[in-house]
Amino acid sequence: MRRKAMGLSQTQLADSVGITFQQLQKYERGTNRVSASKLYGMAVTLQTSVAWFFEGMPPLEGPDETDRRAMAVHRFMATEEGVELASLVPQLPLAQRLQILALAKTLSVDAGD
């Protein structure tokens, strides 16, 4: 809608963000997902905010599993020991990583008592 209101062709908008007009057609039809960087580029070309593309959508009821996991990772990496563990654990064999995970689960349950 915004592209048409501004008198831009699909080719012009596609060129502004470095994609083909066929790819833009797929974005407009909802066939393909739009990356954040392309969405931002389109917002700049269309002289609007990224939020404009989401107007009218219902608000989220609460954080979904992906959001909860992202928040957990952020809290973990915000600690000094989290950063150190994150650098050391991937160097361990899988069996030892799984043992550490089991230990952490046990300790977290015990901490709740």
Protein backbone atom coordinates (compact mmCIF):
# COMPACT_ATOMS: atom_id res chain seq x y z
CA MET A 1 0.00 0.00 0.00
CA ARG A 2 2.70 2.45 0.97
CA ARG A 3 4.76 1.73 -2.16
CA LYS A 4 1.78 2.35 -4.40
CA ALA A 5 0.77 5.48 -2.49
CA MET A 6 4.25 6.89 -3.09
CA GLY A 7 4.11 6.03 -6.78
CA LEU A 8 7.03 3.60 -6.62
CA SER A 9 7.24 0.57 -8.85
CA GLN A 10 8.24 -2.82 -7.49
CA THR A 11 11.48 -2.50 -9.43
CA GLN A 12 12.31 0.87 -7.85
CA LEU A 13 11.68 -0.37 -4.31
CA ALA A 14 13.53 -3.63 -4.99
CA ASP A 15 16.54 -1.78 -6.40
CA SER A 16 16.66 0.47 -3.33
CA VAL A 17 17.22 -2.53 -1.05
CA GLY A 18 19.31 -4.64 -3.41
CA ILE A 19 16.85 -7.37 -4.38
CA THR A 20 15.06 -8.35 -7.60
CA PHE A 21 11.52 -7.21 -8.28
CA GLN A 22 10.51 -10.90 -8.28
CA GLN A 23 11.78 -11.20 -4.70
CA LEU A 24 9.84 -8.08 -3.74
CA GLN A 25 6.71 -9.62 -5.27
CA LYS A 26 7.20 -12.67 -3.05
CA TYR A 27 7.60 -10.39 0.00
CA GLU A 28 4.44 -8.44 -0.88
CA ARG A 29 2.41 -11.63 -1.37
CA GLY A 30 3.74 -13.09 1.87
CA THR A 31 5.33 -16.04 0.07
CA ASN A 32 8.79 -15.31 1.51
CA ARG A 33 9.91 -13.84 4.80
CA VAL A 34 11.60 -10.45 4.86
CA SER A 35 14.89 -10.10 6.73
CA ALA A 36 15.20 -7.33 9.28
CA SER A 37 17.79 -5.50 7.19
CA LYS A 38 15.59 -5.56 4.07
CA LEU A 39 12.55 -4.46 6.07
CA TYR A 40 14.57 -1.56 7.49
CA GLY A 41 15.79 -0.61 4.01
CA MET A 42 12.24 -0.63 2.69
CA ALA A 43 11.09 1.54 5.60
CA VAL A 44 13.81 4.06 4.78
CA THR A 45 12.88 4.11 1.08
CA LEU A 46 9.18 4.36 1.93
CA GLN A 47 9.93 7.13 4.45
CA THR A 48 8.25 5.38 7.35
CA SER A 49 9.18 3.43 10.44
CA VAL A 50 9.59 -0.33 10.63
CA ALA A 51 6.71 -0.28 13.12
CA TRP A 52 4.40 0.96 10.34
CA PHE A 53 4.50 -2.52 8.77
CA PHE A 54 3.08 -4.00 11.99
CA GLU A 55 0.28 -1.50 12.65
CA GLY A 56 -3.02 -3.18 13.40
CA MET A 57 -1.49 -6.45 14.51
CA PRO A 58 -2.77 -7.79 17.82
CA PRO A 59 -0.41 -7.35 20.76
CA LEU A 60 1.45 -10.37 22.04
CA GLU A 61 -0.14 -12.01 25.05
CA GLY A 62 3.23 -12.60 26.63
CA PRO A 63 6.73 -13.74 25.75
CA ASP A 64 6.81 -16.94 23.75
CA GLU A 65 9.41 -19.66 24.24
CA THR A 66 11.92 -17.95 21.92
CA ASP A 67 11.64 -14.70 23.90
CA ARG A 68 12.06 -16.53 27.21
CA ARG A 69 15.15 -18.32 25.91
CA ALA A 70 16.62 -15.08 24.57
CA MET A 71 16.04 -13.36 27.92
CA ALA A 72 17.66 -16.30 29.75
CA VAL A 73 20.73 -16.14 27.49
CA HIS A 74 20.95 -12.38 28.01
CA ARG A 75 20.79 -12.76 31.81
CA PHE A 76 23.41 -15.54 31.67
CA MET A 77 25.80 -13.58 29.46
CA ALA A 78 25.42 -10.49 31.65
CA THR A 79 27.34 -12.28 34.40
CA GLU A 80 31.08 -12.76 34.52
CA GLU A 81 30.76 -16.49 35.20
CA GLY A 82 28.25 -16.82 32.37
CA VAL A 83 30.73 -15.47 29.86
CA GLU A 84 33.46 -17.74 31.20
CA LEU A 85 31.21 -20.81 31.13
CA ALA A 86 30.04 -19.94 27.62
CA SER A 87 33.65 -19.94 26.43
CA LEU A 88 34.67 -23.15 28.23
CA VAL A 89 31.67 -25.49 27.92
CA PRO A 90 31.74 -25.87 24.11
CA GLN A 91 35.32 -27.19 24.41
CA LEU A 92 34.13 -30.14 26.50
CA PRO A 93 33.04 -33.50 25.07
CA LEU A 94 29.26 -33.92 24.72
CA ALA A 95 29.01 -36.40 27.60
CA GLN A 96 30.61 -33.91 30.00
CA ARG A 97 28.40 -31.06 28.72
CA LEU A 98 25.34 -33.20 29.41
CA GLN A 99 26.63 -33.98 32.92
CA ILE A 100 27.11 -30.26 33.60
CA LEU A 101 23.59 -29.60 32.32
CA ALA A 102 22.15 -32.31 34.61
CA LEU A 103 24.09 -30.88 37.56
CA ALA A 104 22.86 -27.35 36.84
CA LYS A 105 19.26 -28.59 36.63
CA THR A 106 19.63 -30.41 39.94
CA LEU A 107 21.21 -27.41 41.64
CA SER A 108 18.54 -25.04 40.31
CA VAL A 109 15.78 -27.28 41.71
CA ASP A 110 17.59 -27.50 45.05
CA ALA A 111 18.01 -23.71 45.13
CA GLY A 112 14.24 -23.31 44.92
CA ASP A 113 13.74 -25.16 48.24
